[in-house]
Structures are given as structure tokens and as C-alpha cells.
Amino acid sequence: MNTSQMLITLGALILLSLVILRVNRSFLTTDSVLLDSKIDVLAVSAATSVLEEANGKAFDENTDTTSISNVNLLSSTLGPEPGETYPNFDDFDDFDGLTKIDSTNPIAKFIITCKVNYVQPPNLDVNVTTKTWHKKLTVYVTSPSMLGHDDKQDTLKMSTVFSYWYFR
């Protein structure tokens, strides 16, 4: 083998090495994106479970067994009543202040935090301090495994509004 053949062979090996490195980098990037997406889907699922669980409860402690027609008859506090603990809540606003850790998933441990506020149409993004027929539950899900683009811990936020309707 002469010198030119050796240089061509060496050049081919360098090109092959570069292609292999590029393919490996692409596989690693794809795996990372796939894992991040999977964790995000699991976080959405955890938040949705809490939202659906809360929507299955009564609107208020005072509407649990009877109906009311005056907003002033609603319970005076948001949050669980004395003696109530999760998962034995009986109304929507009991989820206010709830923090639970979901470690049932082997991929990630999720920290779920809930906040309930009164809201008033037309702007359901603004919390009000007076009692209304509308309560908004916001669920925050975080995990050490959920990292944003800047490698800081990311938080998923989902909300639902639950309204009380009285029919005579």
C-alpha cells in the first residue's frame, strides 16, 4: 500500500468516526427528549387525576347534603374542615393547601400542590376575596426530574373552575 492509499484510508476512517459520533449524539438527544416528554405526560396525568377527583366532590361543605340559594350560606373557609384529611375530602375546596407526594412512578417522584380560590366571571384568572358561585382549583406539579431548557426545575400548572348551580 502506498502513501496516497494510506491517506485515503485514514481519511475514510476519520469520516466514518465522525458519522458514528453524530449518529450516537442524535440517539442520545432523541432518548433525552423522549424521556422528558414521558415525564411531562405523567405530570399532566397526575394533575388531571387531582382535578377530576376534586370535580367529583360537592361544591361546598354546606352544599354536600342540601342545596342553598344564597351565596352567604356557603362555608366561611376554604380548605379542609377540622378532622378532614386527604383522601377523605367531601367537597371541592378541601383541596386548598393540599400537598402530596406521588412516588408510585419509578421514573419520577411528583410533588403535587393545590390552591383553591373564589373567582368571578368574566375574568376567571383573577382571584376574589368574596364568596361566589365559582371556585377555581389550581394544581401545581413539580419533580426533580422535570427540567426546563435552562436546567432549572420546571412546574406544570393546571386549573379548573367548579360552579354551583341551584335549580328550584
N, C-alpha and C. Protein backbone atom coordinates (compact mmCIF):
# COMPACT_ATOMS: atom_id res chain seq x y z
N MET A 1 0.85 -1.16 0.00
CA MET A 1 0.00 0.00 0.00
C MET A 1 0.90 1.23 0.00
N ASN A 2 0.63 2.14 -0.90
CA ASN A 2 1.47 3.34 -0.95
C ASN A 2 0.89 4.46 -0.08
N THR A 3 1.57 5.58 -0.05
CA THR A 3 1.22 6.69 0.84
C THR A 3 -0.15 7.26 0.52
N SER A 4 -0.51 7.42 -0.73
CA SER A 4 -1.81 8.00 -1.09
C SER A 4 -2.96 7.07 -0.66
N GLN A 5 -2.77 5.78 -0.78
CA GLN A 5 -3.80 4.84 -0.33
C GLN A 5 -3.95 4.90 1.19
N MET A 6 -2.84 5.05 1.90
CA MET A 6 -2.89 5.17 3.36
C MET A 6 -3.64 6.44 3.78
N LEU A 7 -3.38 7.55 3.08
CA LEU A 7 -4.08 8.81 3.40
C LEU A 7 -5.57 8.71 3.11
N ILE A 8 -5.93 8.05 2.00
CA ILE A 8 -7.35 7.88 1.68
C ILE A 8 -8.02 6.99 2.72
N THR A 9 -7.35 5.91 3.12
CA THR A 9 -7.89 5.02 4.14
C THR A 9 -8.03 5.75 5.47
N LEU A 10 -7.02 6.53 5.85
CA LEU A 10 -7.08 7.30 7.09
C LEU A 10 -8.22 8.33 7.04
N GLY A 11 -8.39 9.01 5.92
CA GLY A 11 -9.48 9.97 5.74
C GLY A 11 -10.84 9.29 5.84
N ALA A 12 -10.96 8.10 5.25
CA ALA A 12 -12.22 7.36 5.32
C ALA A 12 -12.54 6.96 6.76
N LEU A 13 -11.54 6.54 7.51
CA LEU A 13 -11.76 6.18 8.91
C LEU A 13 -12.17 7.40 9.75
N ILE A 14 -11.58 8.54 9.47
CA ILE A 14 -11.95 9.76 10.19
C ILE A 14 -13.40 10.14 9.86
N LEU A 15 -13.78 10.07 8.58
CA LEU A 15 -15.16 10.37 8.20
C LEU A 15 -16.14 9.38 8.83
N LEU A 16 -15.79 8.10 8.85
CA LEU A 16 -16.64 7.09 9.48
C LEU A 16 -16.80 7.37 10.97
N SER A 17 -15.70 7.75 11.63
CA SER A 17 -15.76 8.07 13.06
C SER A 17 -16.67 9.27 13.32
N LEU A 18 -16.57 10.30 12.47
CA LEU A 18 -17.42 11.47 12.62
C LEU A 18 -18.90 11.13 12.43
N VAL A 19 -19.19 10.29 11.45
CA VAL A 19 -20.58 9.87 11.21
C VAL A 19 -21.11 9.08 12.40
N ILE A 20 -20.30 8.18 12.93
CA ILE A 20 -20.73 7.38 14.08
C ILE A 20 -20.98 8.28 15.30
N LEU A 21 -20.10 9.24 15.54
CA LEU A 21 -20.30 10.17 16.65
C LEU A 21 -21.59 10.98 16.49
N ARG A 22 -21.83 11.43 15.27
CA ARG A 22 -23.05 12.22 15.00
C ARG A 22 -24.30 11.38 15.22
N VAL A 23 -24.30 10.15 14.76
CA VAL A 23 -25.45 9.26 14.94
C VAL A 23 -25.67 8.99 16.43
N ASN A 24 -24.60 8.72 17.17
CA ASN A 24 -24.73 8.49 18.61
C ASN A 24 -25.28 9.72 19.33
N ARG A 25 -24.82 10.91 18.96
CA ARG A 25 -25.32 12.14 19.57
C ARG A 25 -26.82 12.29 19.27
N SER A 26 -27.22 11.97 18.06
CA SER A 26 -28.64 12.06 17.68
C SER A 26 -29.48 11.08 18.50
N PHE A 27 -28.99 9.85 18.69
CA PHE A 27 -29.70 8.88 19.51
C PHE A 27 -29.84 9.35 20.95
N LEU A 28 -28.77 9.90 21.51
CA LEU A 28 -28.81 10.39 22.89
C LEU A 28 -29.78 11.56 23.04
N THR A 29 -29.77 12.46 22.07
CA THR A 29 -30.69 13.59 22.11
C THR A 29 -32.13 13.11 22.00
N THR A 30 -32.39 12.17 21.11
CA THR A 30 -33.73 11.61 20.95
C THR A 30 -34.20 10.93 22.22
N ASP A 31 -33.32 10.15 22.86
CA ASP A 31 -33.67 9.49 24.12
C ASP A 31 -33.98 10.50 25.21
N SER A 32 -33.22 11.57 25.27
CA SER A 32 -33.44 12.60 26.28
C SER A 32 -34.79 13.29 26.07
N VAL A 33 -35.09 13.64 24.83
CA VAL A 33 -36.37 14.29 24.52
C VAL A 33 -37.53 13.34 24.81
N LEU A 34 -37.35 12.08 24.48
CA LEU A 34 -38.38 11.08 24.73
C LEU A 34 -38.65 10.92 26.22
N LEU A 35 -37.59 10.88 27.03
CA LEU A 35 -37.75 10.75 28.47
C LEU A 35 -38.41 12.00 29.06
N ASP A 36 -37.99 13.18 28.62
CA ASP A 36 -38.62 14.42 29.10
C ASP A 36 -40.10 14.46 28.75
N SER A 37 -40.44 14.03 27.55
CA SER A 37 -41.85 14.00 27.13
C SER A 37 -42.65 13.02 27.98
N LYS A 38 -42.06 11.89 28.26
CA LYS A 38 -42.74 10.88 29.08
C LYS A 38 -43.01 11.41 30.48
N ILE A 39 -42.02 12.08 31.07
CA ILE A 39 -42.19 12.66 32.41
C ILE A 39 -43.26 13.74 32.38
N ASP A 40 -43.28 14.57 31.34
CA ASP A 40 -44.29 15.62 31.23
C ASP A 40 -45.69 15.04 31.10
N VAL A 41 -45.83 13.97 30.33
CA VAL A 41 -47.14 13.32 30.18
C VAL A 41 -47.59 12.74 31.52
N LEU A 42 -46.67 12.15 32.27
CA LEU A 42 -47.01 11.61 33.59
C LEU A 42 -47.41 12.73 34.55
N ALA A 43 -46.76 13.88 34.46
CA ALA A 43 -47.11 15.03 35.31
C ALA A 43 -48.51 15.53 34.97
N VAL A 44 -48.82 15.61 33.69
CA VAL A 44 -50.18 16.02 33.27
C VAL A 44 -51.20 15.02 33.78
N SER A 45 -50.88 13.75 33.72
CA SER A 45 -51.79 12.72 34.21
C SER A 45 -52.02 12.85 35.71
N ALA A 46 -50.96 13.13 36.47
CA ALA A 46 -51.10 13.31 37.92
C ALA A 46 -51.98 14.51 38.25
N ALA A 47 -51.77 15.62 37.53
CA ALA A 47 -52.58 16.83 37.76
C ALA A 47 -54.03 16.59 37.37
N THR A 48 -54.25 15.92 36.26
CA THR A 48 -55.61 15.64 35.81
C THR A 48 -56.34 14.75 36.80
N SER A 49 -55.64 13.81 37.39
CA SER A 49 -56.27 12.93 38.39
C SER A 49 -56.78 13.73 39.58
N VAL A 50 -55.99 14.69 40.05
CA VAL A 50 -56.41 15.51 41.18
C VAL A 50 -57.60 16.39 40.78
N LEU A 51 -57.54 16.99 39.59
CA LEU A 51 -58.65 17.84 39.12
C LEU A 51 -59.94 17.03 39.00
N GLU A 52 -59.86 15.84 38.44
CA GLU A 52 -61.06 15.02 38.30
C GLU A 52 -61.59 14.56 39.65
N GLU A 53 -60.69 14.23 40.56
CA GLU A 53 -61.11 13.83 41.90
C GLU A 53 -61.85 14.98 42.59
N ALA A 54 -61.33 16.19 42.49
CA ALA A 54 -61.97 17.34 43.12
C ALA A 54 -63.32 17.65 42.48
N ASN A 55 -63.41 17.52 41.17
CA ASN A 55 -64.67 17.80 40.48
C ASN A 55 -65.76 16.79 40.83
N GLY A 56 -65.38 15.65 41.38
CA GLY A 56 -66.35 14.65 41.79
C GLY A 56 -66.93 14.90 43.18
N LYS A 57 -66.44 15.92 43.84
CA LYS A 57 -66.91 16.24 45.20
C LYS A 57 -68.01 17.30 45.15
N ALA A 58 -68.63 17.54 46.30
CA ALA A 58 -69.64 18.59 46.41
C ALA A 58 -68.97 19.95 46.25
N PHE A 59 -69.74 20.96 45.87
CA PHE A 59 -69.20 22.30 45.68
C PHE A 59 -68.67 22.88 46.97
N ASP A 60 -69.40 22.69 48.07
CA ASP A 60 -69.06 23.32 49.34
C ASP A 60 -69.52 22.41 50.47
N GLU A 61 -68.95 22.61 51.65
CA GLU A 61 -69.36 21.84 52.82
C GLU A 61 -70.87 21.98 53.07
N ASN A 62 -71.41 23.18 52.84
CA ASN A 62 -72.83 23.43 53.10
C ASN A 62 -73.73 22.99 51.96
N THR A 63 -73.16 22.56 50.83
CA THR A 63 -73.98 22.05 49.73
C THR A 63 -73.80 20.55 49.57
N ASP A 64 -73.16 19.93 50.54
CA ASP A 64 -72.87 18.50 50.48
C ASP A 64 -74.15 17.67 50.54
N THR A 65 -75.07 18.05 51.41
CA THR A 65 -76.31 17.26 51.58
C THR A 65 -77.57 18.06 51.28
N THR A 66 -77.44 19.37 51.10
CA THR A 66 -78.61 20.20 50.83
C THR A 66 -78.25 21.27 49.81
N SER A 67 -79.25 21.88 49.23
CA SER A 67 -78.98 22.95 48.27
C SER A 67 -79.22 24.30 48.95
N ILE A 68 -78.51 25.31 48.47
CA ILE A 68 -78.66 26.66 49.02
C ILE A 68 -78.87 27.63 47.86
N SER A 69 -79.51 28.75 48.16
CA SER A 69 -79.79 29.73 47.11
C SER A 69 -79.17 31.10 47.40
N ASN A 70 -78.42 31.21 48.50
CA ASN A 70 -77.80 32.47 48.87
C ASN A 70 -76.30 32.24 49.04
N VAL A 71 -75.48 33.02 48.36
CA VAL A 71 -74.03 32.85 48.41
C VAL A 71 -73.48 33.03 49.82
N ASN A 72 -74.18 33.76 50.68
CA ASN A 72 -73.72 33.97 52.05
C ASN A 72 -73.85 32.72 52.91
N LEU A 73 -74.57 31.72 52.43
CA LEU A 73 -74.72 30.48 53.18
C LEU A 73 -73.59 29.48 52.91
N LEU A 74 -72.68 29.85 52.01
CA LEU A 74 -71.53 28.99 51.75
C LEU A 74 -70.60 28.97 52.96
N SER A 75 -69.81 27.94 53.08
CA SER A 75 -68.86 27.80 54.18
C SER A 75 -67.94 29.02 54.23
N SER A 76 -67.55 29.41 55.42
CA SER A 76 -66.75 30.63 55.57
C SER A 76 -65.27 30.42 55.27
N THR A 77 -64.83 29.19 55.16
CA THR A 77 -63.40 28.94 54.93
C THR A 77 -63.20 28.03 53.73
N LEU A 78 -62.08 28.25 53.07
CA LEU A 78 -61.63 27.33 52.03
C LEU A 78 -60.62 26.39 52.68
N GLY A 79 -60.64 25.15 52.28
CA GLY A 79 -59.73 24.17 52.85
C GLY A 79 -60.50 23.11 53.62
N PRO A 80 -59.80 22.11 54.08
CA PRO A 80 -60.50 21.03 54.80
C PRO A 80 -61.01 21.50 56.16
N GLU A 81 -62.14 20.97 56.54
CA GLU A 81 -62.71 21.26 57.84
C GLU A 81 -61.93 20.46 58.89
N PRO A 82 -61.99 20.85 60.15
CA PRO A 82 -61.26 20.11 61.19
C PRO A 82 -61.63 18.62 61.16
N GLY A 83 -60.60 17.80 61.17
CA GLY A 83 -60.81 16.35 61.15
C GLY A 83 -60.78 15.73 59.77
N GLU A 84 -60.86 16.56 58.73
CA GLU A 84 -60.83 16.01 57.36
C GLU A 84 -59.39 15.91 56.87
N THR A 85 -59.05 14.77 56.35
CA THR A 85 -57.73 14.57 55.77
C THR A 85 -57.88 13.90 54.41
N TYR A 86 -56.91 14.16 53.57
CA TYR A 86 -56.90 13.54 52.24
C TYR A 86 -56.65 12.05 52.42
N PRO A 87 -57.32 11.17 51.77
CA PRO A 87 -58.21 11.30 50.61
C PRO A 87 -59.70 11.34 50.98
N ASN A 88 -60.03 11.62 52.22
CA ASN A 88 -61.42 11.60 52.66
C ASN A 88 -62.07 12.97 52.62
N PHE A 89 -61.75 13.77 51.61
CA PHE A 89 -62.39 15.07 51.45
C PHE A 89 -63.82 14.88 50.96
N ASP A 90 -64.71 15.81 51.37
CA ASP A 90 -66.10 15.70 50.92
C ASP A 90 -66.54 16.85 50.02
N ASP A 91 -65.70 17.88 49.88
CA ASP A 91 -66.09 18.97 48.99
C ASP A 91 -64.88 19.54 48.27
N PHE A 92 -65.17 20.32 47.23
CA PHE A 92 -64.17 20.83 46.28
C PHE A 92 -63.08 21.66 46.96
N ASP A 93 -63.48 22.55 47.86
CA ASP A 93 -62.48 23.46 48.43
C ASP A 93 -61.59 22.81 49.48
N ASP A 94 -61.87 21.55 49.86
CA ASP A 94 -60.98 20.85 50.79
C ASP A 94 -59.59 20.65 50.21
N PHE A 95 -59.47 20.74 48.89
CA PHE A 95 -58.18 20.56 48.24
C PHE A 95 -57.26 21.77 48.41
N ASP A 96 -57.77 22.87 48.96
CA ASP A 96 -56.95 24.06 49.17
C ASP A 96 -55.85 23.74 50.19
N GLY A 97 -54.61 23.98 49.79
CA GLY A 97 -53.48 23.73 50.67
C GLY A 97 -52.96 22.31 50.66
N LEU A 98 -53.58 21.44 49.88
CA LEU A 98 -53.13 20.05 49.82
C LEU A 98 -51.76 19.96 49.16
N THR A 99 -50.85 19.25 49.79
CA THR A 99 -49.56 18.92 49.19
C THR A 99 -49.38 17.43 49.37
N LYS A 100 -49.17 16.74 48.27
CA LYS A 100 -48.94 15.30 48.36
C LYS A 100 -47.80 14.91 47.43
N ILE A 101 -47.13 13.85 47.80
CA ILE A 101 -46.01 13.34 47.01
C ILE A 101 -46.45 12.04 46.37
N ASP A 102 -46.34 12.00 45.05
CA ASP A 102 -46.69 10.80 44.29
C ASP A 102 -45.40 10.11 43.88
N SER A 103 -45.08 9.04 44.57
CA SER A 103 -43.85 8.30 44.25
C SER A 103 -44.17 6.92 43.70
N THR A 104 -45.38 6.75 43.16
CA THR A 104 -45.78 5.46 42.61
C THR A 104 -45.13 5.16 41.27
N ASN A 105 -44.57 6.18 40.63
CA ASN A 105 -43.96 6.01 39.33
C ASN A 105 -42.46 5.81 39.48
N PRO A 106 -41.90 4.78 38.86
CA PRO A 106 -40.45 4.56 39.00
C PRO A 106 -39.60 5.58 38.25
N ILE A 107 -40.19 6.32 37.31
CA ILE A 107 -39.42 7.27 36.51
C ILE A 107 -39.19 8.58 37.25
N ALA A 108 -40.22 9.05 37.95
CA ALA A 108 -40.11 10.35 38.61
C ALA A 108 -41.01 10.40 39.84
N LYS A 109 -40.58 11.19 40.82
CA LYS A 109 -41.38 11.46 42.01
C LYS A 109 -41.99 12.84 41.84
N PHE A 110 -43.33 12.95 41.94
CA PHE A 110 -44.01 14.21 41.71
C PHE A 110 -44.49 14.81 43.02
N ILE A 111 -44.33 16.12 43.14
CA ILE A 111 -44.85 16.86 44.28
C ILE A 111 -46.04 17.66 43.77
N ILE A 112 -47.21 17.38 44.32
CA ILE A 112 -48.47 17.97 43.85
C ILE A 112 -48.97 18.92 44.93
N THR A 113 -49.21 20.18 44.53
CA THR A 113 -49.69 21.21 45.44
C THR A 113 -50.96 21.82 44.86
N CYS A 114 -51.94 22.06 45.72
CA CYS A 114 -53.23 22.59 45.25
C CYS A 114 -53.56 23.91 45.94
N LYS A 115 -54.27 24.75 45.20
CA LYS A 115 -54.74 26.04 45.72
C LYS A 115 -56.15 26.27 45.20
N VAL A 116 -57.08 26.63 46.09
CA VAL A 116 -58.47 26.91 45.71
C VAL A 116 -58.77 28.36 46.05
N ASN A 117 -59.40 29.06 45.10
CA ASN A 117 -59.80 30.46 45.29
C ASN A 117 -61.18 30.67 44.69
N TYR A 118 -61.87 31.69 45.21
CA TYR A 118 -63.10 32.13 44.56
C TYR A 118 -62.73 32.98 43.36
N VAL A 119 -63.50 32.83 42.28
CA VAL A 119 -63.32 33.64 41.08
C VAL A 119 -64.68 34.13 40.63
N GLN A 120 -64.66 35.14 39.76
CA GLN A 120 -65.90 35.73 39.27
C GLN A 120 -65.80 35.95 37.76
N PRO A 121 -66.78 35.49 37.00
CA PRO A 121 -66.76 35.81 35.56
C PRO A 121 -66.86 37.31 35.38
N PRO A 122 -66.35 37.88 34.36
CA PRO A 122 -65.83 37.27 33.14
C PRO A 122 -64.35 36.94 33.22
N ASN A 123 -63.63 37.37 34.26
CA ASN A 123 -62.20 37.11 34.32
C ASN A 123 -61.92 36.05 35.39
N LEU A 124 -61.82 34.81 34.97
CA LEU A 124 -61.62 33.70 35.91
C LEU A 124 -60.16 33.55 36.34
N ASP A 125 -59.28 34.39 35.81
CA ASP A 125 -57.88 34.34 36.22
C ASP A 125 -57.59 35.23 37.41
N VAL A 126 -58.56 36.04 37.83
CA VAL A 126 -58.38 36.95 38.96
C VAL A 126 -59.13 36.38 40.16
N ASN A 127 -58.39 36.15 41.25
CA ASN A 127 -59.00 35.65 42.48
C ASN A 127 -59.72 36.79 43.19
N VAL A 128 -60.86 36.47 43.78
CA VAL A 128 -61.62 37.46 44.55
C VAL A 128 -61.69 37.02 46.00
N THR A 129 -61.90 37.96 46.89
CA THR A 129 -61.91 37.64 48.33
C THR A 129 -63.32 37.38 48.85
N THR A 130 -64.33 37.66 48.04
CA THR A 130 -65.70 37.43 48.48
C THR A 130 -66.19 36.08 47.96
N LYS A 131 -67.19 35.55 48.64
CA LYS A 131 -67.77 34.27 48.22
C LYS A 131 -68.51 34.45 46.90
N THR A 132 -68.33 33.50 46.00
CA THR A 132 -69.06 33.50 44.73
C THR A 132 -69.53 32.07 44.45
N TRP A 133 -70.26 31.93 43.37
CA TRP A 133 -70.73 30.60 42.97
C TRP A 133 -69.67 29.85 42.15
N HIS A 134 -68.47 30.38 42.09
CA HIS A 134 -67.42 29.78 41.26
C HIS A 134 -66.13 29.65 42.07
N LYS A 135 -65.56 28.45 42.09
CA LYS A 135 -64.28 28.21 42.75
C LYS A 135 -63.30 27.66 41.72
N LYS A 136 -62.07 28.12 41.83
CA LYS A 136 -61.04 27.69 40.89
C LYS A 136 -59.98 26.89 41.65
N LEU A 137 -59.71 25.69 41.17
CA LEU A 137 -58.65 24.85 41.72
C LEU A 137 -57.46 24.89 40.77
N THR A 138 -56.30 25.26 41.30
CA THR A 138 -55.06 25.25 40.52
C THR A 138 -54.16 24.20 41.12
N VAL A 139 -53.67 23.31 40.26
CA VAL A 139 -52.79 22.22 40.68
C VAL A 139 -51.41 22.48 40.10
N TYR A 140 -50.41 22.43 40.96
CA TYR A 140 -49.01 22.59 40.54
C TYR A 140 -48.31 21.24 40.72
N VAL A 141 -47.62 20.79 39.68
CA VAL A 141 -46.88 19.53 39.76
C VAL A 141 -45.42 19.83 39.46
N THR A 142 -44.54 19.45 40.38
CA THR A 142 -43.11 19.61 40.18
C THR A 142 -42.43 18.27 40.42
N SER A 143 -41.22 18.18 39.92
CA SER A 143 -40.43 16.98 40.12
C SER A 143 -38.97 17.33 39.87
N PRO A 144 -38.07 16.73 40.63
CA PRO A 144 -36.65 16.94 40.33
C PRO A 144 -36.28 16.47 38.92
N SER A 145 -37.10 15.58 38.37
CA SER A 145 -36.84 15.05 37.02
C SER A 145 -37.34 15.98 35.92
N MET A 146 -38.16 16.97 36.28
CA MET A 146 -38.70 17.89 35.28
C MET A 146 -37.79 19.11 35.19
N LEU A 147 -36.97 19.14 34.17
CA LEU A 147 -36.05 20.25 33.99
C LEU A 147 -36.41 21.03 32.74
N GLY A 148 -36.36 22.36 32.87
CA GLY A 148 -36.64 23.23 31.73
C GLY A 148 -35.41 23.37 30.86
N HIS A 149 -35.48 24.26 29.88
CA HIS A 149 -34.38 24.47 28.95
C HIS A 149 -33.14 25.03 29.63
N ASP A 150 -33.34 25.73 30.75
CA ASP A 150 -32.20 26.31 31.47
C ASP A 150 -31.72 25.39 32.60
N ASP A 151 -32.16 24.13 32.57
CA ASP A 151 -31.80 23.12 33.56
C ASP A 151 -32.25 23.47 34.98
N LYS A 152 -33.27 24.32 35.08
CA LYS A 152 -33.90 24.60 36.36
C LYS A 152 -35.17 23.76 36.45
N GLN A 153 -35.57 23.46 37.68
CA GLN A 153 -36.76 22.64 37.88
C GLN A 153 -37.99 23.33 37.29
N ASP A 154 -38.76 22.59 36.53
CA ASP A 154 -39.93 23.11 35.85
C ASP A 154 -41.19 22.76 36.66
N THR A 155 -42.24 23.53 36.48
CA THR A 155 -43.51 23.30 37.18
C THR A 155 -44.65 23.29 36.17
N LEU A 156 -45.49 22.27 36.30
CA LEU A 156 -46.69 22.18 35.48
C LEU A 156 -47.84 22.79 36.28
N LYS A 157 -48.66 23.62 35.63
CA LYS A 157 -49.78 24.27 36.29
C LYS A 157 -51.04 23.99 35.48
N MET A 158 -52.06 23.42 36.13
CA MET A 158 -53.35 23.17 35.50
C MET A 158 -54.45 23.67 36.42
N SER A 159 -55.54 24.17 35.81
CA SER A 159 -56.63 24.73 36.60
C SER A 159 -57.97 24.25 36.08
N THR A 160 -58.95 24.29 36.97
CA THR A 160 -60.34 24.04 36.61
C THR A 160 -61.22 24.95 37.45
N VAL A 161 -62.35 25.32 36.90
CA VAL A 161 -63.33 26.12 37.63
C VAL A 161 -64.56 25.26 37.87
N PHE A 162 -65.02 25.25 39.11
CA PHE A 162 -66.19 24.47 39.51
C PHE A 162 -67.26 25.47 39.94
N SER A 163 -68.42 25.38 39.33
CA SER A 163 -69.50 26.32 39.63
C SER A 163 -70.67 25.59 40.28
N TYR A 164 -71.38 26.31 41.12
CA TYR A 164 -72.55 25.76 41.79
C TYR A 164 -73.80 26.28 41.11
N TRP A 165 -74.68 25.37 40.77
CA TRP A 165 -75.92 25.73 40.11
C TRP A 165 -77.06 25.26 40.98
N TYR A 166 -77.98 26.18 41.28
CA TYR A 166 -79.14 25.86 42.12
C TYR A 166 -80.40 25.88 41.26
N PHE A 167 -81.12 24.78 41.27
CA PHE A 167 -82.38 24.70 40.50
C PHE A 167 -83.52 24.56 41.49
N ARG A 168 -84.57 25.33 41.27
CA ARG A 168 -85.73 25.27 42.16
C ARG A 168 -86.71 24.24 41.69
